[in-house]
C-alpha atoms as a PDB file:
ATOM      1  CA  MET A   1      39.127   7.963 -14.350  1.00  0.00           C
ATOM      2  CA  ASP A   2      40.635   6.293 -11.403  1.00  0.00           C
ATOM      3  CA  TYR A   3      38.775   3.914  -8.960  1.00  0.00           C
ATOM      4  CA  ASP A   4      38.577   6.899  -6.108  1.00  0.00           C
ATOM      5  CA  ASP A   5      36.645   9.246  -8.667  1.00  0.00           C
ATOM      6  CA  SER A   6      34.166   6.685 -10.090  1.00  0.00           C
ATOM      7  CA  LEU A   7      33.399   5.522  -6.353  1.00  0.00           C
ATOM      8  CA  GLU A   8      32.721   9.032  -5.464  1.00  0.00           C
ATOM      9  CA  ARG A   9      30.404   9.816  -8.865  1.00  0.00           C
ATOM     10  CA  ALA A  10      28.792   6.823  -7.669  1.00  0.00           C
ATOM     11  CA  MET A  11      27.885   7.554  -4.104  1.00  0.00           C
ATOM     12  CA  GLU A  12      26.747  11.374  -5.402  1.00  0.00           C
ATOM     13  CA  ASN A  13      24.381   9.687  -7.791  1.00  0.00           C
ATOM     14  CA  THR A  14      23.077   6.656  -5.038  1.00  0.00           C
ATOM     15  CA  PRO A  15      19.497   7.746  -3.301  1.00  0.00           C
ATOM     16  CA  ASP A  16      19.638   8.036   0.014  1.00  0.00           C
ATOM     17  CA  VAL A  17      17.886   4.738   1.744  1.00  0.00           C
ATOM     18  CA  ALA A  18      17.975   6.007   5.129  1.00  0.00           C
ATOM     19  CA  GLY A  19      14.652   6.951   6.348  1.00  0.00           C
ATOM     20  CA  SER A  20      13.707   8.849   9.581  1.00  0.00           C
ATOM     21  CA  GLY A  21      13.487   5.539  11.492  1.00  0.00           C
ATOM     22  CA  GLU A  22       9.865   4.955  11.669  1.00  0.00           C
ATOM     23  CA  ARG A  23       7.897   2.099  10.673  1.00  0.00           C
ATOM     24  CA  PHE A  24       5.148   2.716   7.911  1.00  0.00           C
ATOM     25  CA  GLN A  25       1.912   2.864   9.592  1.00  0.00           C
ATOM     26  CA  LEU A  26      -1.577   2.661   8.366  1.00  0.00           C
ATOM     27  CA  PRO A  27      -4.344   4.580  10.491  1.00  0.00           C
ATOM     28  CA  ASP A  28      -6.468   2.036  12.477  1.00  0.00           C
ATOM     29  CA  PRO A  29      -9.716   0.937  10.704  1.00  0.00           C
ATOM     30  CA  ASP A  30     -12.510   3.265  11.861  1.00  0.00           C
ATOM     31  CA  VAL A  31     -15.588   0.969  11.043  1.00  0.00           C
ATOM     32  CA  ARG A  32     -19.442   1.199  12.266  1.00  0.00           C
ATOM     33  CA  GLN A  33     -22.404  -0.815  11.618  1.00  0.00           C
ATOM     34  CA  GLU A  34     -25.430   0.096   9.845  1.00  0.00           C
ATOM     35  CA  GLY A  35     -27.456  -2.747   9.584  1.00  0.00           C
ATOM     36  CA  ASN A  36     -25.932  -5.444   7.706  1.00  0.00           C
ATOM     37  CA  VAL A  37     -23.369  -3.004   6.113  1.00  0.00           C
ATOM     38  CA  THR A  38     -19.719  -2.206   7.622  1.00  0.00           C
ATOM     39  CA  VAL A  39     -18.791   1.340   6.945  1.00  0.00           C
ATOM     40  CA  PHE A  40     -14.992   1.957   6.939  1.00  0.00           C
ATOM     41  CA  GLU A  41     -15.317   5.777   7.882  1.00  0.00           C
ATOM     42  CA  ASN A  42     -11.800   6.386   7.348  1.00  0.00           C
ATOM     43  CA  PHE A  43     -11.000   4.669   4.226  1.00  0.00           C
ATOM     44  CA  PRO A  44     -10.124   7.815   2.251  1.00  0.00           C
ATOM     45  CA  ALA A  45      -7.101   8.574   4.673  1.00  0.00           C
ATOM     46  CA  VAL A  46      -6.066   4.804   4.685  1.00  0.00           C
ATOM     47  CA  VAL A  47      -5.750   5.093   0.857  1.00  0.00           C
ATOM     48  CA  ASP A  48      -3.845   8.215   1.073  1.00  0.00           C
ATOM     49  CA  ARG A  49      -1.271   6.512   3.106  1.00  0.00           C
ATOM     50  CA  LEU A  50      -1.218   3.652   1.001  1.00  0.00           C
ATOM     51  CA  ASP A  51      -1.081   6.151  -1.888  1.00  0.00           C
ATOM     52  CA  ARG A  52      -2.753   3.524  -4.333  1.00  0.00           C
ATOM     53  CA  ASP A  53      -5.623   4.060  -6.191  1.00  0.00           C
ATOM     54  CA  ARG A  54      -8.847   3.668  -4.193  1.00  0.00           C
ATOM     55  CA  ASP A  55     -11.019   0.596  -6.370  1.00  0.00           C
ATOM     56  CA  HIS A  56      -7.426  -1.088  -6.097  1.00  0.00           C
ATOM     57  CA  VAL A  57      -7.436  -0.979  -2.543  1.00  0.00           C
ATOM     58  CA  MET A  58     -11.310  -1.706  -2.481  1.00  0.00           C
ATOM     59  CA  ARG A  59     -11.233  -4.743  -4.657  1.00  0.00           C
ATOM     60  CA  TYR A  60      -8.516  -6.461  -2.423  1.00  0.00           C
ATOM     61  CA  VAL A  61     -10.466  -5.824   0.703  1.00  0.00           C
ATOM     62  CA  GLN A  62     -13.422  -7.252  -0.537  1.00  0.00           C
ATOM     63  CA  THR A  63     -11.421 -10.140  -2.075  1.00  0.00           C
ATOM     64  CA  GLU A  64      -9.779 -10.862   1.216  1.00  0.00           C
ATOM     65  CA  LEU A  65     -13.151 -10.715   3.118  1.00  0.00           C
ATOM     66  CA  GLY A  66     -15.080 -12.359   0.823  1.00  0.00           C
ATOM     67  CA  THR A  67     -17.846  -9.946   0.310  1.00  0.00           C
ATOM     68  CA  SER A  68     -19.245  -7.231  -1.914  1.00  0.00           C
ATOM     69  CA  ALA A  69     -17.933  -3.524  -1.300  1.00  0.00           C
ATOM     70  CA  SER A  70     -18.812  -0.033  -2.774  1.00  0.00           C
ATOM     71  CA  ILE A  71     -17.589   3.183  -2.484  1.00  0.00           C
ATOM     72  CA  ASP A  72     -20.388   5.964  -1.286  1.00  0.00           C
ATOM     73  CA  ASP A  73     -20.101   9.680  -2.293  1.00  0.00           C
ATOM     74  CA  ARG A  74     -18.140  10.960   0.894  1.00  0.00           C
ATOM     75  CA  GLY A  75     -15.584   8.223   0.178  1.00  0.00           C
ATOM     76  CA  ARG A  76     -16.206   5.834   2.600  1.00  0.00           C
ATOM     77  CA  LEU A  77     -15.906   2.011   2.060  1.00  0.00           C
ATOM     78  CA  ARG A  78     -19.161   0.277   2.469  1.00  0.00           C
ATOM     79  CA  LEU A  79     -18.851  -3.602   3.025  1.00  0.00           C
ATOM     80  CA  THR A  80     -21.829  -5.871   2.994  1.00  0.00           C
ATOM     81  CA  GLY A  81     -21.551  -7.685   6.416  1.00  0.00           C
ATOM     82  CA  GLU A  82     -20.072  -7.502   9.733  1.00  0.00           C
ATOM     83  CA  PHE A  83     -16.421  -7.079   9.898  1.00  0.00           C
ATOM     84  CA  ARG A  84     -14.392  -5.591  12.968  1.00  0.00           C
ATOM     85  CA  ALA A  85     -11.800  -2.978  12.884  1.00  0.00           C
ATOM     86  CA  ALA A  86      -9.130  -5.625  13.472  1.00  0.00           C
ATOM     87  CA  ARG A  87     -10.063  -7.955  10.226  1.00  0.00           C
ATOM     88  CA  LEU A  88      -9.929  -4.672   8.202  1.00  0.00           C
ATOM     89  CA  GLY A  89      -6.525  -3.860   9.763  1.00  0.00           C
ATOM     90  CA  THR A  90      -5.148  -7.312   8.776  1.00  0.00           C
ATOM     91  CA  ALA A  91      -6.233  -6.990   4.959  1.00  0.00           C
ATOM     92  CA  LEU A  92      -4.859  -3.421   4.909  1.00  0.00           C
ATOM     93  CA  GLN A  93      -1.489  -4.345   6.515  1.00  0.00           C
ATOM     94  CA  GLU A  94      -1.612  -7.592   4.061  1.00  0.00           C
ATOM     95  CA  TYR A  95      -2.246  -5.212   0.920  1.00  0.00           C
ATOM     96  CA  ALA A  96       0.554  -2.869   2.183  1.00  0.00           C
ATOM     97  CA  GLU A  97       3.211  -5.763   2.308  1.00  0.00           C
ATOM     98  CA  ALA A  98       2.019  -6.983  -0.835  1.00  0.00           C
ATOM     99  CA  TYR A  99       1.627  -3.878  -3.152  1.00  0.00           C
ATOM    100  CA  VAL A 100       3.113  -0.597  -1.369  1.00  0.00           C
ATOM    101  CA  LEU A 101       6.416  -1.947   1.001  1.00  0.00           C
ATOM    102  CA  CYS A 102       9.446  -2.422  -0.873  1.00  0.00           C
ATOM    103  CA  PRO A 103      10.436  -5.972  -0.053  1.00  0.00           C
ATOM    104  CA  GLU A 104      14.471  -5.137  -0.095  1.00  0.00           C
ATOM    105  CA  CYS A 105      14.616  -2.032   1.695  1.00  0.00           C
ATOM    106  CA  GLY A 106      11.065  -1.807   3.492  1.00  0.00           C
ATOM    107  CA  LEU A 107       9.945   1.727   2.547  1.00  0.00           C
ATOM    108  CA  PRO A 108       6.760   2.652   1.286  1.00  0.00           C
ATOM    109  CA  ASP A 109       8.198   4.633  -1.535  1.00  0.00           C
ATOM    110  CA  THR A 110       6.869   2.327  -4.550  1.00  0.00           C
ATOM    111  CA  THR A 111       4.823   2.771  -7.673  1.00  0.00           C
ATOM    112  CA  LEU A 112       2.886   0.355  -9.483  1.00  0.00           C
ATOM    113  CA  GLU A 113       3.500  -0.273 -13.433  1.00  0.00           C
ATOM    114  CA  LYS A 114       2.111  -3.245 -15.718  1.00  0.00           C
ATOM    115  CA  GLU A 115       5.109  -4.983 -17.313  1.00  0.00           C
ATOM    116  CA  HIS A 116       4.142  -7.620 -19.930  1.00  0.00           C
ATOM    117  CA  GLY A 117       0.882  -7.984 -18.211  1.00  0.00           C
ATOM    118  CA  THR A 118       2.001  -8.226 -15.108  1.00  0.00           C
ATOM    119  CA  GLU A 119       1.872  -5.736 -12.092  1.00  0.00           C
ATOM    120  CA  VAL A 120       5.394  -4.802 -10.790  1.00  0.00           C
ATOM    121  CA  ARG A 121       6.572  -2.531  -7.689  1.00  0.00           C
ATOM    122  CA  GLN A 122       9.209  -0.072  -8.709  1.00  0.00           C
ATOM    123  CA  CYS A 123      10.850   1.408  -5.569  1.00  0.00           C
ATOM    124  CA  SER A 124      12.100   4.905  -5.854  1.00  0.00           C
ATOM    125  CA  ALA A 125      14.204   4.818  -2.809  1.00  0.00           C
ATOM    126  CA  CYS A 126      16.548   1.769  -3.896  1.00  0.00           C
ATOM    127  CA  GLY A 127      15.575   1.116  -7.065  1.00  0.00           C
ATOM    128  CA  ALA A 128      14.402  -2.591  -6.682  1.00  0.00           C
ATOM    129  CA  ARG A 129      11.541  -4.084  -9.131  1.00  0.00           C
ATOM    130  CA  SER A 130       9.307  -6.823  -7.832  1.00  0.00           C
ATOM    131  CA  ALA A 131       6.449  -8.586  -8.575  1.00  0.00           C
ATOM    132  CA  THR A 132       3.279  -7.963  -6.620  1.00  0.00           C
ATOM    133  CA  GLY A 133       1.423 -10.453  -4.299  1.00  0.00           C
ATOM    134  CA  ASN A 134      -1.058 -11.367  -7.091  1.00  0.00           C
END
């Protein structure tokens, strides 16, 4: 097999990394206060967009905000204390950078895997593997 044939074969087996050109966008958090509790109404939609386990996202958010949290029977996140949508949005963007977006190609086409006790992001777009933020 000569060089040109090898190159053509390699190019055929390489996944297309070019995306739609749109930047990864999370829905803005829809929050409301119920006494001393902040209810994150569209938490299920955010978790779907992140494509991660809701308990994993909840643990990260509650750690970042320094509060306790729970998920109610409708899938909404209930945080103890008063938190603005902007603060929640910042925490979710940090989560996306640490656990969702590939550090090599920037696409959200990743999965989380455990490898020797460490959480690793595996990108299905470019094949990169990297340790997560925590």
